[in-house]
Amino acid sequence: MSYPPQGPGGYPPGGYPQQGYPQQNVPQQGYPQGPPPGYGPPPGYGGGVPFGGPPAPAPSRTSTVVAASCAGLVALLLWIYVGDVIATFGVSLVKDRGLGLGAGGWVVLVVRGLCSMAVMAGAILALTRKPLGPWLIFGAGALVVLFLPLEPLLVGADFGVYFDGLFSAGTTAALCLIGATVFALFAAIFAILPSTMAYARTRPVPVHGPPRQW
């Protein structure tokens, strides 16, 4: 049995392994990924995500869109309600019940008008990821719903007569008030959901990374 000629140091001539001998893949020493111990991730990449790991999933905006849409409808219906009542000044808020628009009626209109502006502002702020937006929608929506039982007291009407006339009148003001109350309830519920609050607190990740520090 013959062996191939050996060069200096026991290697084949020329210092290269001869053809026919398989090359051994020697694993190279790996280097740890990430910053040295004691250093956090670089600024601009958000906290709580390991360096080099996948980014945290963005919160869903579905509940925010639903809350803002309902809030927009509430604002629109309340504007129509207030405008219709003012256009027919002195006419009963409940058809043919003889409830004139006195001081209590003006208080109702002012509160409804302020609620319409608040929910509209909340819808815009929520869609632009401002934390105040969902709270405005929730507060104004809840006020629209809870203020409805107080209206008979403000206009000096009997509860039964007032709500019977409200639901059976079929006037523009009555229908808008009922619709605004229903949508305000949904707007308040969706505005207080954790996903809506999380979306308002989250800032979009810059596409081109953090600004360069000179």
N, C-alpha and C. Protein backbone atom coordinates (compact mmCIF):
# COMPACT_ATOMS: atom_id res chain seq x y z
N MET A 1 0.85 -1.20 0.00
CA MET A 1 0.00 0.00 0.00
C MET A 1 0.88 1.24 0.00
N SER A 2 0.68 2.14 -0.92
CA SER A 2 1.52 3.32 -1.05
C SER A 2 0.77 4.56 -0.60
N TYR A 3 1.46 5.53 -0.08
CA TYR A 3 0.89 6.79 0.38
C TYR A 3 1.37 7.91 -0.53
N PRO A 4 0.62 8.94 -0.64
CA PRO A 4 1.05 10.06 -1.48
C PRO A 4 2.26 10.72 -0.89
N PRO A 5 3.11 11.27 -1.71
CA PRO A 5 4.35 11.92 -1.19
C PRO A 5 3.99 13.08 -0.30
N GLN A 6 4.78 13.21 0.75
CA GLN A 6 4.56 14.25 1.74
C GLN A 6 5.58 15.36 1.56
N GLY A 7 5.13 16.59 1.74
CA GLY A 7 6.03 17.74 1.68
C GLY A 7 6.52 18.11 3.05
N PRO A 8 7.13 19.23 3.18
CA PRO A 8 7.61 19.69 4.51
C PRO A 8 6.43 19.89 5.46
N GLY A 9 6.64 19.47 6.70
CA GLY A 9 5.60 19.63 7.70
C GLY A 9 4.49 18.61 7.56
N GLY A 10 4.64 17.58 6.73
CA GLY A 10 3.61 16.56 6.62
C GLY A 10 2.51 16.90 5.68
N TYR A 11 2.58 18.03 4.93
CA TYR A 11 1.54 18.43 3.99
C TYR A 11 1.95 17.99 2.60
N PRO A 12 1.02 17.85 1.71
CA PRO A 12 1.36 17.50 0.33
C PRO A 12 2.17 18.61 -0.30
N PRO A 13 2.85 18.29 -1.38
CA PRO A 13 3.67 19.33 -2.04
C PRO A 13 2.82 20.51 -2.46
N GLY A 14 3.34 21.70 -2.26
CA GLY A 14 2.60 22.92 -2.60
C GLY A 14 1.78 23.46 -1.45
N GLY A 15 1.63 22.68 -0.34
CA GLY A 15 0.89 23.17 0.83
C GLY A 15 -0.61 23.05 0.70
N TYR A 16 -1.14 22.38 -0.32
CA TYR A 16 -2.59 22.26 -0.51
C TYR A 16 -2.98 20.80 -0.41
N PRO A 17 -4.14 20.55 0.10
CA PRO A 17 -4.57 19.14 0.17
C PRO A 17 -4.78 18.59 -1.22
N GLN A 18 -4.43 17.32 -1.40
CA GLN A 18 -4.60 16.68 -2.69
C GLN A 18 -6.07 16.47 -3.00
N GLN A 19 -6.36 16.44 -4.30
CA GLN A 19 -7.73 16.20 -4.75
C GLN A 19 -8.14 14.78 -4.38
N GLY A 20 -9.32 14.68 -3.95
CA GLY A 20 -9.83 13.36 -3.55
C GLY A 20 -10.06 13.26 -2.07
N TYR A 21 -9.49 14.17 -1.32
CA TYR A 21 -9.72 14.18 0.11
C TYR A 21 -10.84 15.17 0.42
N PRO A 22 -11.87 14.75 1.12
CA PRO A 22 -12.99 15.67 1.39
C PRO A 22 -12.56 16.80 2.31
N GLN A 23 -13.10 17.96 2.00
CA GLN A 23 -12.83 19.12 2.84
C GLN A 23 -13.74 19.09 4.07
N GLN A 24 -13.16 19.36 5.19
CA GLN A 24 -13.92 19.38 6.43
C GLN A 24 -14.39 20.79 6.70
N ASN A 25 -15.71 20.91 6.91
CA ASN A 25 -16.28 22.23 7.24
C ASN A 25 -16.10 22.47 8.73
N VAL A 26 -15.18 23.28 9.03
CA VAL A 26 -14.91 23.60 10.44
C VAL A 26 -15.82 24.74 10.85
N PRO A 27 -16.69 24.53 11.83
CA PRO A 27 -17.58 25.63 12.24
C PRO A 27 -16.79 26.79 12.81
N GLN A 28 -17.10 27.97 12.32
CA GLN A 28 -16.43 29.15 12.82
C GLN A 28 -17.11 29.66 14.08
N GLN A 29 -16.33 30.33 14.86
CA GLN A 29 -16.86 30.85 16.11
C GLN A 29 -17.87 31.95 15.85
N GLY A 30 -19.05 31.81 16.42
CA GLY A 30 -20.09 32.81 16.22
C GLY A 30 -19.90 34.01 17.12
N TYR A 31 -20.50 35.10 16.72
CA TYR A 31 -20.44 36.33 17.49
C TYR A 31 -21.82 36.66 18.00
N PRO A 32 -21.96 37.02 19.24
CA PRO A 32 -23.31 37.34 19.76
C PRO A 32 -23.91 38.53 19.06
N GLN A 33 -25.20 38.45 18.79
CA GLN A 33 -25.92 39.55 18.16
C GLN A 33 -26.48 40.48 19.23
N GLY A 34 -26.48 41.76 18.93
CA GLY A 34 -27.06 42.72 19.86
C GLY A 34 -26.00 43.57 20.51
N PRO A 35 -26.44 44.54 21.26
CA PRO A 35 -25.50 45.45 21.92
C PRO A 35 -24.82 44.78 23.10
N PRO A 36 -23.69 45.32 23.56
CA PRO A 36 -23.01 44.75 24.72
C PRO A 36 -23.92 44.79 25.95
N PRO A 37 -23.59 43.95 26.93
CA PRO A 37 -24.40 43.95 28.16
C PRO A 37 -24.43 45.33 28.81
N GLY A 38 -25.61 45.71 29.25
CA GLY A 38 -25.76 47.01 29.89
C GLY A 38 -26.20 48.11 28.97
N TYR A 39 -26.26 47.83 27.66
CA TYR A 39 -26.68 48.84 26.69
C TYR A 39 -28.01 48.41 26.08
N GLY A 40 -28.95 49.32 26.01
CA GLY A 40 -30.25 49.03 25.43
C GLY A 40 -30.21 49.17 23.93
N PRO A 41 -31.35 48.96 23.27
CA PRO A 41 -31.42 49.13 21.82
C PRO A 41 -31.22 50.58 21.44
N PRO A 42 -30.74 50.85 20.25
CA PRO A 42 -30.51 52.24 19.83
C PRO A 42 -31.80 53.00 19.77
N PRO A 43 -31.76 54.33 19.97
CA PRO A 43 -33.00 55.13 19.97
C PRO A 43 -33.68 55.09 18.61
N GLY A 44 -35.01 55.13 18.65
CA GLY A 44 -35.78 55.14 17.42
C GLY A 44 -36.37 53.80 17.06
N TYR A 45 -35.95 52.73 17.78
CA TYR A 45 -36.48 51.41 17.45
C TYR A 45 -37.48 50.91 18.47
N GLY A 46 -37.82 51.72 19.45
CA GLY A 46 -38.84 51.33 20.41
C GLY A 46 -38.24 50.45 21.49
N GLY A 47 -38.80 50.54 22.69
CA GLY A 47 -38.32 49.74 23.79
C GLY A 47 -39.09 48.44 23.89
N GLY A 48 -38.52 47.49 24.61
CA GLY A 48 -39.20 46.23 24.85
C GLY A 48 -39.02 45.21 23.74
N VAL A 49 -38.38 45.56 22.63
CA VAL A 49 -38.17 44.61 21.53
C VAL A 49 -36.70 44.25 21.51
N PRO A 50 -36.32 42.96 21.55
CA PRO A 50 -34.91 42.59 21.55
C PRO A 50 -34.21 43.11 20.31
N PHE A 51 -32.94 43.47 20.47
CA PHE A 51 -32.17 43.99 19.35
C PHE A 51 -32.06 42.91 18.27
N GLY A 52 -32.42 43.26 17.07
CA GLY A 52 -32.36 42.31 15.98
C GLY A 52 -33.59 41.44 15.86
N GLY A 53 -34.53 41.52 16.80
CA GLY A 53 -35.73 40.71 16.74
C GLY A 53 -36.82 41.37 15.93
N PRO A 54 -37.92 40.67 15.74
CA PRO A 54 -39.02 41.25 14.95
C PRO A 54 -39.67 42.40 15.71
N PRO A 55 -40.16 43.44 15.02
CA PRO A 55 -40.82 44.56 15.69
C PRO A 55 -42.15 44.13 16.29
N ALA A 56 -42.55 44.83 17.33
CA ALA A 56 -43.82 44.52 17.98
C ALA A 56 -44.97 44.82 17.03
N PRO A 57 -45.98 43.95 16.99
CA PRO A 57 -47.10 44.20 16.08
C PRO A 57 -47.87 45.45 16.46
N ALA A 58 -48.25 46.21 15.46
CA ALA A 58 -49.00 47.43 15.69
C ALA A 58 -50.42 47.10 16.11
N PRO A 59 -51.00 47.86 17.04
CA PRO A 59 -52.37 47.58 17.45
C PRO A 59 -53.35 47.81 16.32
N SER A 60 -54.43 47.06 16.35
CA SER A 60 -55.43 47.17 15.30
C SER A 60 -56.15 48.51 15.39
N ARG A 61 -56.46 49.07 14.23
CA ARG A 61 -57.17 50.34 14.19
C ARG A 61 -58.65 50.16 13.91
N THR A 62 -59.13 48.92 13.89
CA THR A 62 -60.53 48.66 13.55
C THR A 62 -61.47 49.33 14.54
N SER A 63 -61.22 49.13 15.83
CA SER A 63 -62.10 49.72 16.83
C SER A 63 -62.04 51.25 16.80
N THR A 64 -60.87 51.80 16.46
CA THR A 64 -60.75 53.25 16.36
C THR A 64 -61.59 53.78 15.20
N VAL A 65 -61.55 53.09 14.07
CA VAL A 65 -62.33 53.52 12.91
C VAL A 65 -63.83 53.44 13.21
N VAL A 66 -64.25 52.36 13.89
CA VAL A 66 -65.67 52.23 14.24
C VAL A 66 -66.10 53.33 15.20
N ALA A 67 -65.27 53.58 16.23
CA ALA A 67 -65.61 54.63 17.20
C ALA A 67 -65.66 56.00 16.53
N ALA A 68 -64.69 56.29 15.66
CA ALA A 68 -64.68 57.59 14.99
C ALA A 68 -65.85 57.72 14.02
N SER A 69 -66.21 56.64 13.33
CA SER A 69 -67.34 56.70 12.40
C SER A 69 -68.65 56.95 13.15
N CYS A 70 -68.85 56.24 14.25
CA CYS A 70 -70.06 56.47 15.05
C CYS A 70 -70.07 57.89 15.61
N ALA A 71 -68.90 58.36 16.04
CA ALA A 71 -68.83 59.73 16.56
C ALA A 71 -69.16 60.75 15.49
N GLY A 72 -68.70 60.51 14.27
CA GLY A 72 -69.04 61.42 13.18
C GLY A 72 -70.53 61.46 12.90
N LEU A 73 -71.17 60.29 12.95
CA LEU A 73 -72.62 60.25 12.74
C LEU A 73 -73.35 60.95 13.87
N VAL A 74 -72.86 60.80 15.10
CA VAL A 74 -73.48 61.50 16.24
C VAL A 74 -73.41 63.01 16.03
N ALA A 75 -72.23 63.49 15.64
CA ALA A 75 -72.07 64.92 15.42
C ALA A 75 -73.01 65.42 14.32
N LEU A 76 -73.10 64.67 13.23
CA LEU A 76 -73.96 65.08 12.11
C LEU A 76 -75.43 65.12 12.53
N LEU A 77 -75.88 64.08 13.22
CA LEU A 77 -77.29 64.03 13.63
C LEU A 77 -77.62 65.11 14.65
N LEU A 78 -76.69 65.39 15.54
CA LEU A 78 -76.95 66.44 16.53
C LEU A 78 -76.97 67.81 15.87
N TRP A 79 -76.13 68.02 14.87
CA TRP A 79 -76.18 69.30 14.16
C TRP A 79 -77.53 69.48 13.46
N ILE A 80 -78.00 68.42 12.84
CA ILE A 80 -79.32 68.50 12.19
C ILE A 80 -80.41 68.73 13.22
N TYR A 81 -80.29 68.05 14.36
CA TYR A 81 -81.29 68.21 15.43
C TYR A 81 -81.34 69.66 15.91
N VAL A 82 -80.18 70.22 16.24
CA VAL A 82 -80.14 71.58 16.74
C VAL A 82 -80.62 72.56 15.67
N GLY A 83 -80.18 72.37 14.45
CA GLY A 83 -80.61 73.27 13.38
C GLY A 83 -82.10 73.21 13.12
N ASP A 84 -82.68 72.02 13.18
CA ASP A 84 -84.12 71.89 12.95
C ASP A 84 -84.92 72.56 14.05
N VAL A 85 -84.46 72.41 15.30
CA VAL A 85 -85.19 73.03 16.41
C VAL A 85 -85.08 74.55 16.34
N ILE A 86 -83.87 75.05 16.04
CA ILE A 86 -83.71 76.50 15.95
C ILE A 86 -84.52 77.06 14.78
N ALA A 87 -84.56 76.33 13.67
CA ALA A 87 -85.31 76.80 12.51
C ALA A 87 -86.81 76.89 12.79
N THR A 88 -87.28 76.06 13.69
CA THR A 88 -88.70 76.07 14.04
C THR A 88 -88.86 76.59 15.46
N PHE A 89 -88.19 77.72 15.75
CA PHE A 89 -88.22 78.28 17.10
C PHE A 89 -89.66 78.48 17.56
N GLY A 90 -89.91 78.07 18.80
CA GLY A 90 -91.23 78.21 19.38
C GLY A 90 -92.12 77.02 19.13
N VAL A 91 -91.68 76.10 18.22
CA VAL A 91 -92.46 74.90 17.96
C VAL A 91 -92.09 73.86 18.99
N SER A 92 -93.00 72.99 19.34
CA SER A 92 -92.77 71.98 20.35
C SER A 92 -91.63 71.05 19.95
N LEU A 93 -90.77 70.68 20.94
CA LEU A 93 -89.76 69.66 20.68
C LEU A 93 -90.41 68.31 20.45
N VAL A 94 -91.56 68.12 21.01
CA VAL A 94 -92.35 66.91 20.78
C VAL A 94 -93.63 67.34 20.09
N LYS A 95 -93.90 66.79 18.96
CA LYS A 95 -94.96 67.27 18.08
C LYS A 95 -96.30 67.32 18.81
N ASP A 96 -96.96 68.48 18.70
CA ASP A 96 -98.32 68.69 19.19
C ASP A 96 -98.46 68.46 20.68
N ARG A 97 -97.40 68.68 21.46
CA ARG A 97 -97.52 68.52 22.91
C ARG A 97 -97.51 69.87 23.63
N GLY A 98 -97.33 70.93 22.89
CA GLY A 98 -97.38 72.25 23.50
C GLY A 98 -96.20 72.58 24.37
N LEU A 99 -95.04 71.97 24.12
CA LEU A 99 -93.85 72.24 24.93
C LEU A 99 -93.02 73.28 24.21
N GLY A 100 -93.17 74.54 24.58
CA GLY A 100 -92.45 75.61 23.90
C GLY A 100 -90.97 75.58 24.24
N LEU A 101 -90.17 76.28 23.44
CA LEU A 101 -88.73 76.30 23.62
C LEU A 101 -88.38 77.40 24.61
N GLY A 102 -88.41 77.06 25.89
CA GLY A 102 -88.09 78.03 26.94
C GLY A 102 -86.62 77.95 27.30
N ALA A 103 -86.31 78.39 28.54
CA ALA A 103 -84.92 78.38 29.00
C ALA A 103 -84.36 76.96 29.05
N GLY A 104 -85.20 76.01 29.51
CA GLY A 104 -84.75 74.62 29.54
C GLY A 104 -84.46 74.07 28.16
N GLY A 105 -85.27 74.47 27.18
CA GLY A 105 -85.03 74.02 25.82
C GLY A 105 -83.71 74.54 25.27
N TRP A 106 -83.37 75.79 25.61
CA TRP A 106 -82.10 76.34 25.16
C TRP A 106 -80.91 75.63 25.82
N VAL A 107 -81.09 75.24 27.09
CA VAL A 107 -80.03 74.47 27.75
C VAL A 107 -79.81 73.14 27.03
N VAL A 108 -80.89 72.50 26.63
CA VAL A 108 -80.79 71.24 25.89
C VAL A 108 -80.03 71.45 24.59
N LEU A 109 -80.37 72.51 23.88
CA LEU A 109 -79.71 72.76 22.60
C LEU A 109 -78.23 73.06 22.77
N VAL A 110 -77.87 73.83 23.80
CA VAL A 110 -76.47 74.15 24.03
C VAL A 110 -75.67 72.90 24.38
N VAL A 111 -76.24 72.06 25.24
CA VAL A 111 -75.54 70.83 25.62
C VAL A 111 -75.38 69.92 24.42
N ARG A 112 -76.43 69.77 23.63
CA ARG A 112 -76.34 68.92 22.44
C ARG A 112 -75.33 69.48 21.44
N GLY A 113 -75.32 70.79 21.29
CA GLY A 113 -74.35 71.39 20.37
C GLY A 113 -72.91 71.18 20.83
N LEU A 114 -72.65 71.32 22.13
CA LEU A 114 -71.31 71.09 22.65
C LEU A 114 -70.90 69.63 22.50
N CYS A 115 -71.85 68.73 22.72
CA CYS A 115 -71.55 67.30 22.55
C CYS A 115 -71.19 66.98 21.10
N SER A 116 -71.88 67.61 20.17
CA SER A 116 -71.58 67.35 18.76
C SER A 116 -70.17 67.80 18.41
N MET A 117 -69.75 68.95 18.91
CA MET A 117 -68.41 69.43 18.63
C MET A 117 -67.35 68.56 19.32
N ALA A 118 -67.67 68.09 20.54
CA ALA A 118 -66.70 67.27 21.28
C ALA A 118 -66.48 65.92 20.61
N VAL A 119 -67.56 65.26 20.16
CA VAL A 119 -67.38 63.95 19.54
C VAL A 119 -66.68 64.08 18.19
N MET A 120 -66.93 65.16 17.47
CA MET A 120 -66.25 65.35 16.20
C MET A 120 -64.76 65.59 16.41
N ALA A 121 -64.43 66.42 17.39
CA ALA A 121 -63.02 66.63 17.71
C ALA A 121 -62.36 65.34 18.17
N GLY A 122 -63.07 64.56 18.98
CA GLY A 122 -62.53 63.28 19.43
C GLY A 122 -62.29 62.32 18.29
N ALA A 123 -63.18 62.30 17.30
CA ALA A 123 -62.99 61.42 16.14
C ALA A 123 -61.74 61.79 15.36
N ILE A 124 -61.52 63.09 15.15
CA ILE A 124 -60.33 63.53 14.42
C ILE A 124 -59.06 63.21 15.20
N LEU A 125 -59.08 63.46 16.50
CA LEU A 125 -57.89 63.20 17.31
C LEU A 125 -57.60 61.71 17.42
N ALA A 126 -58.65 60.89 17.50
CA ALA A 126 -58.43 59.44 17.60
C ALA A 126 -57.82 58.89 16.32
N LEU A 127 -58.29 59.36 15.18
CA LEU A 127 -57.75 58.87 13.91
C LEU A 127 -56.31 59.34 13.67
N THR A 128 -55.94 60.45 14.28
CA THR A 128 -54.56 60.95 14.16
C THR A 128 -53.70 60.52 15.35
N ARG A 129 -54.16 59.52 16.09
CA ARG A 129 -53.39 58.90 17.17
C ARG A 129 -53.05 59.88 18.29
N LYS A 130 -54.04 60.63 18.72
CA LYS A 130 -53.87 61.50 19.88
C LYS A 130 -54.62 60.85 21.06
N PRO A 131 -53.94 60.65 22.20
CA PRO A 131 -54.58 59.95 23.32
C PRO A 131 -55.86 60.61 23.82
N LEU A 132 -56.00 61.92 23.61
CA LEU A 132 -57.21 62.60 24.07
C LEU A 132 -58.44 62.22 23.25
N GLY A 133 -58.25 61.76 22.03
CA GLY A 133 -59.37 61.47 21.14
C GLY A 133 -60.36 60.46 21.68
N PRO A 134 -59.92 59.24 22.06
CA PRO A 134 -60.89 58.27 22.58
C PRO A 134 -61.62 58.76 23.83
N TRP A 135 -60.92 59.51 24.68
CA TRP A 135 -61.58 60.01 25.89
C TRP A 135 -62.64 61.05 25.57
N LEU A 136 -62.40 61.89 24.56
CA LEU A 136 -63.43 62.84 24.15
C LEU A 136 -64.65 62.11 23.59
N ILE A 137 -64.41 61.09 22.77
CA ILE A 137 -65.53 60.34 22.22
C ILE A 137 -66.32 59.66 23.32
N PHE A 138 -65.60 59.06 24.27
CA PHE A 138 -66.29 58.36 25.36
C PHE A 138 -67.08 59.33 26.23
N GLY A 139 -66.45 60.43 26.62
CA GLY A 139 -67.14 61.37 27.51
C GLY A 139 -68.34 62.03 26.85
N ALA A 140 -68.17 62.51 25.61
CA ALA A 140 -69.29 63.16 24.93
C ALA A 140 -70.38 62.17 24.57
N GLY A 141 -69.98 60.95 24.15
CA GLY A 141 -70.99 59.94 23.83
C GLY A 141 -71.80 59.53 25.04
N ALA A 142 -71.12 59.36 26.18
CA ALA A 142 -71.84 59.01 27.40
C ALA A 142 -72.78 60.13 27.83
N LEU A 143 -72.34 61.38 27.64
CA LEU A 143 -73.20 62.51 28.01
C LEU A 143 -74.44 62.58 27.13
N VAL A 144 -74.28 62.28 25.84
CA VAL A 144 -75.45 62.28 24.94
C VAL A 144 -76.48 61.25 25.41
N VAL A 145 -76.00 60.09 25.81
CA VAL A 145 -76.93 59.03 26.25
C VAL A 145 -77.55 59.37 27.60
N LEU A 146 -76.74 59.80 28.55
CA LEU A 146 -77.24 60.05 29.90
C LEU A 146 -78.05 61.34 30.00
N PHE A 147 -77.86 62.24 29.05
CA PHE A 147 -78.58 63.50 29.11
C PHE A 147 -80.03 63.37 28.65
N LEU A 148 -80.31 62.31 27.90
CA LEU A 148 -81.67 62.14 27.37
C LEU A 148 -82.72 62.05 28.47
N PRO A 149 -82.52 61.27 29.55
CA PRO A 149 -83.55 61.25 30.60
C PRO A 149 -83.72 62.57 31.34
N LEU A 150 -82.74 63.47 31.24
CA LEU A 150 -82.84 64.75 31.93
C LEU A 150 -83.62 65.80 31.13
N GLU A 151 -83.82 65.56 29.87
CA GLU A 151 -84.49 66.56 29.04
C GLU A 151 -85.91 66.87 29.50
N PRO A 152 -86.72 65.87 29.87
CA PRO A 152 -88.07 66.21 30.35
C PRO A 152 -88.06 67.14 31.56
N LEU A 153 -87.05 66.95 32.45
CA LEU A 153 -86.96 67.82 33.62
C LEU A 153 -86.62 69.25 33.21
N LEU A 154 -85.76 69.40 32.21
CA LEU A 154 -85.35 70.74 31.79
C LEU A 154 -86.46 71.48 31.06
N VAL A 155 -87.25 70.76 30.29
CA VAL A 155 -88.32 71.42 29.54
C VAL A 155 -89.64 71.43 30.32
N GLY A 156 -89.63 70.83 31.53
CA GLY A 156 -90.84 70.84 32.35
C GLY A 156 -91.96 69.97 31.82
N ALA A 157 -91.62 68.79 31.31
CA ALA A 157 -92.63 67.90 30.74
C ALA A 157 -92.70 66.61 31.55
N ASP A 158 -93.82 65.94 31.44
CA ASP A 158 -93.97 64.62 32.07
C ASP A 158 -93.14 63.59 31.29
N PHE A 159 -92.51 62.66 32.03
CA PHE A 159 -91.65 61.68 31.38
C PHE A 159 -92.42 60.86 30.34
N GLY A 160 -93.56 60.34 30.74
CA GLY A 160 -94.33 59.50 29.83
C GLY A 160 -94.77 60.25 28.59
N VAL A 161 -95.29 61.47 28.79
CA VAL A 161 -95.75 62.26 27.65
C VAL A 161 -94.58 62.64 26.75
N TYR A 162 -93.45 63.00 27.34
CA TYR A 162 -92.31 63.45 26.56
C TYR A 162 -91.78 62.32 25.67
N PHE A 163 -91.51 61.16 26.27
CA PHE A 163 -90.91 60.08 25.50
C PHE A 163 -91.93 59.41 24.57
N ASP A 164 -93.19 59.42 24.94
CA ASP A 164 -94.20 58.91 24.03
C ASP A 164 -94.28 59.78 22.78
N GLY A 165 -94.23 61.08 22.97
CA GLY A 165 -94.24 61.98 21.82
C GLY A 165 -92.94 61.91 21.03
N LEU A 166 -91.81 61.71 21.74
CA LEU A 166 -90.52 61.65 21.05
C LEU A 166 -90.44 60.47 20.09
N PHE A 167 -90.90 59.30 20.56
CA PHE A 167 -90.78 58.09 19.75
C PHE A 167 -91.91 57.94 18.73
N SER A 168 -92.97 58.71 18.88
CA SER A 168 -94.07 58.58 17.93
C SER A 168 -94.25 59.81 17.04
N ALA A 169 -93.44 60.84 17.26
CA ALA A 169 -93.62 62.07 16.51
C ALA A 169 -93.23 61.90 15.05
N GLY A 170 -92.08 61.30 14.81
CA GLY A 170 -91.61 61.12 13.44
C GLY A 170 -91.06 62.38 12.81
N THR A 171 -90.79 63.42 13.60
CA THR A 171 -90.22 64.65 13.05
C THR A 171 -88.71 64.48 12.83
N THR A 172 -88.14 65.42 12.11
CA THR A 172 -86.70 65.35 11.84
C THR A 172 -85.89 65.43 13.13
N ALA A 173 -86.29 66.34 14.03
CA ALA A 173 -85.57 66.49 15.29
C ALA A 173 -85.66 65.24 16.14
N ALA A 174 -86.84 64.63 16.20
CA ALA A 174 -87.01 63.43 17.01
C ALA A 174 -86.20 62.27 16.46
N LEU A 175 -86.24 62.06 15.15
CA LEU A 175 -85.49 60.96 14.55
C LEU A 175 -83.98 61.16 14.70
N CYS A 176 -83.52 62.39 14.54
CA CYS A 176 -82.09 62.66 14.70
C CYS A 176 -81.64 62.45 16.14
N LEU A 177 -82.47 62.84 17.10
CA LEU A 177 -82.11 62.66 18.50
C LEU A 177 -82.03 61.18 18.85
N ILE A 178 -82.97 60.38 18.37
CA ILE A 178 -82.94 58.94 18.64
C ILE A 178 -81.71 58.30 17.99
N GLY A 179 -81.47 58.65 16.72
CA GLY A 179 -80.30 58.09 16.05
C GLY A 179 -78.99 58.50 16.70
N ALA A 180 -78.89 59.76 17.11
CA ALA A 180 -77.67 60.23 17.77
C ALA A 180 -77.43 59.51 19.08
N THR A 181 -78.50 59.22 19.82
CA THR A 181 -78.35 58.51 21.09
C THR A 181 -77.86 57.09 20.88
N VAL A 182 -78.37 56.41 19.86
CA VAL A 182 -77.95 55.03 19.58
C VAL A 182 -76.49 54.99 19.14
N PHE A 183 -76.12 55.85 18.21
CA PHE A 183 -74.73 55.87 17.74
C PHE A 183 -73.77 56.35 18.82
N ALA A 184 -74.22 57.24 19.70
CA ALA A 184 -73.37 57.69 20.79
C ALA A 184 -73.03 56.55 21.74
N LEU A 185 -73.99 55.64 21.96
CA LEU A 185 -73.74 54.48 22.82
C LEU A 185 -72.65 53.59 22.21
N PHE A 186 -72.74 53.32 20.92
CA PHE A 186 -71.73 52.50 20.26
C PHE A 186 -70.38 53.21 20.22
N ALA A 187 -70.40 54.52 19.99
CA ALA A 187 -69.14 55.27 19.96
C ALA A 187 -68.44 55.22 21.30
N ALA A 188 -69.18 55.37 22.40
CA ALA A 188 -68.58 55.33 23.72
C ALA A 188 -68.01 53.95 24.04
N ILE A 189 -68.71 52.89 23.62
CA ILE A 189 -68.24 51.53 23.89
C ILE A 189 -66.95 51.25 23.13
N PHE A 190 -66.91 51.56 21.83
CA PHE A 190 -65.72 51.27 21.05
C PHE A 190 -64.56 52.20 21.41
N ALA A 191 -64.86 53.40 21.89
CA ALA A 191 -63.79 54.32 22.25
C ALA A 191 -63.04 53.87 23.49
N ILE A 192 -63.70 53.16 24.38
CA ILE A 192 -63.07 52.76 25.64
C ILE A 192 -62.39 51.41 25.54
N LEU A 193 -62.45 50.74 24.38
CA LEU A 193 -61.81 49.44 24.22
C LEU A 193 -60.29 49.57 24.32
N PRO A 194 -59.61 48.55 24.86
CA PRO A 194 -58.14 48.63 24.97
C PRO A 194 -57.43 48.84 23.63
N SER A 195 -57.95 48.22 22.56
CA SER A 195 -57.30 48.38 21.25
C SER A 195 -57.37 49.83 20.76
N THR A 196 -58.49 50.52 21.06
CA THR A 196 -58.60 51.92 20.67
C THR A 196 -57.63 52.79 21.45
N MET A 197 -57.52 52.54 22.75
CA MET A 197 -56.59 53.31 23.56
C MET A 197 -55.14 53.04 23.15
N ALA A 198 -54.82 51.77 22.85
CA ALA A 198 -53.46 51.43 22.44
C ALA A 198 -53.11 52.06 21.11
N TYR A 199 -54.05 52.10 20.19
CA TYR A 199 -53.78 52.71 18.88
C TYR A 199 -53.52 54.21 19.02
N ALA A 200 -54.23 54.86 19.93
CA ALA A 200 -54.03 56.30 20.13
C ALA A 200 -52.68 56.60 20.77
N ARG A 201 -52.15 55.65 21.54
CA ARG A 201 -50.86 55.89 22.21
C ARG A 201 -49.67 55.49 21.34
N THR A 202 -49.90 54.76 20.26
CA THR A 202 -48.81 54.25 19.44
C THR A 202 -48.43 55.26 18.38
N ARG A 203 -47.13 55.39 18.15
CA ARG A 203 -46.64 56.26 17.10
C ARG A 203 -46.12 55.41 15.95
N PRO A 204 -46.37 55.81 14.70
CA PRO A 204 -45.88 55.03 13.57
C PRO A 204 -44.37 55.01 13.52
N VAL A 205 -43.80 53.85 13.15
CA VAL A 205 -42.36 53.71 13.05
C VAL A 205 -41.87 54.43 11.80
N PRO A 206 -40.84 55.27 11.90
CA PRO A 206 -40.34 55.96 10.71
C PRO A 206 -39.83 54.98 9.67
N VAL A 207 -40.12 55.28 8.40
CA VAL A 207 -39.77 54.37 7.32
C VAL A 207 -38.26 54.30 7.12
N HIS A 208 -37.56 55.42 7.21
CA HIS A 208 -36.15 55.49 6.93
C HIS A 208 -35.30 55.40 8.19
N GLY A 209 -35.87 54.97 9.28
CA GLY A 209 -35.09 54.81 10.49
C GLY A 209 -34.91 56.11 11.24
N PRO A 210 -34.20 56.05 12.36
CA PRO A 210 -34.02 57.26 13.17
C PRO A 210 -33.09 58.24 12.50
N PRO A 211 -33.22 59.53 12.84
CA PRO A 211 -32.32 60.53 12.24
C PRO A 211 -30.88 60.31 12.67
N ARG A 212 -29.98 60.62 11.77
CA ARG A 212 -28.56 60.43 12.06
C ARG A 212 -28.05 61.48 13.03
N GLN A 213 -27.29 61.00 14.01
CA GLN A 213 -26.72 61.90 15.01
C GLN A 213 -25.33 62.35 14.55
N TRP A 214 -25.14 63.66 14.45
CA TRP A 214 -23.84 64.18 14.01
C TRP A 214 -23.03 64.57 15.23
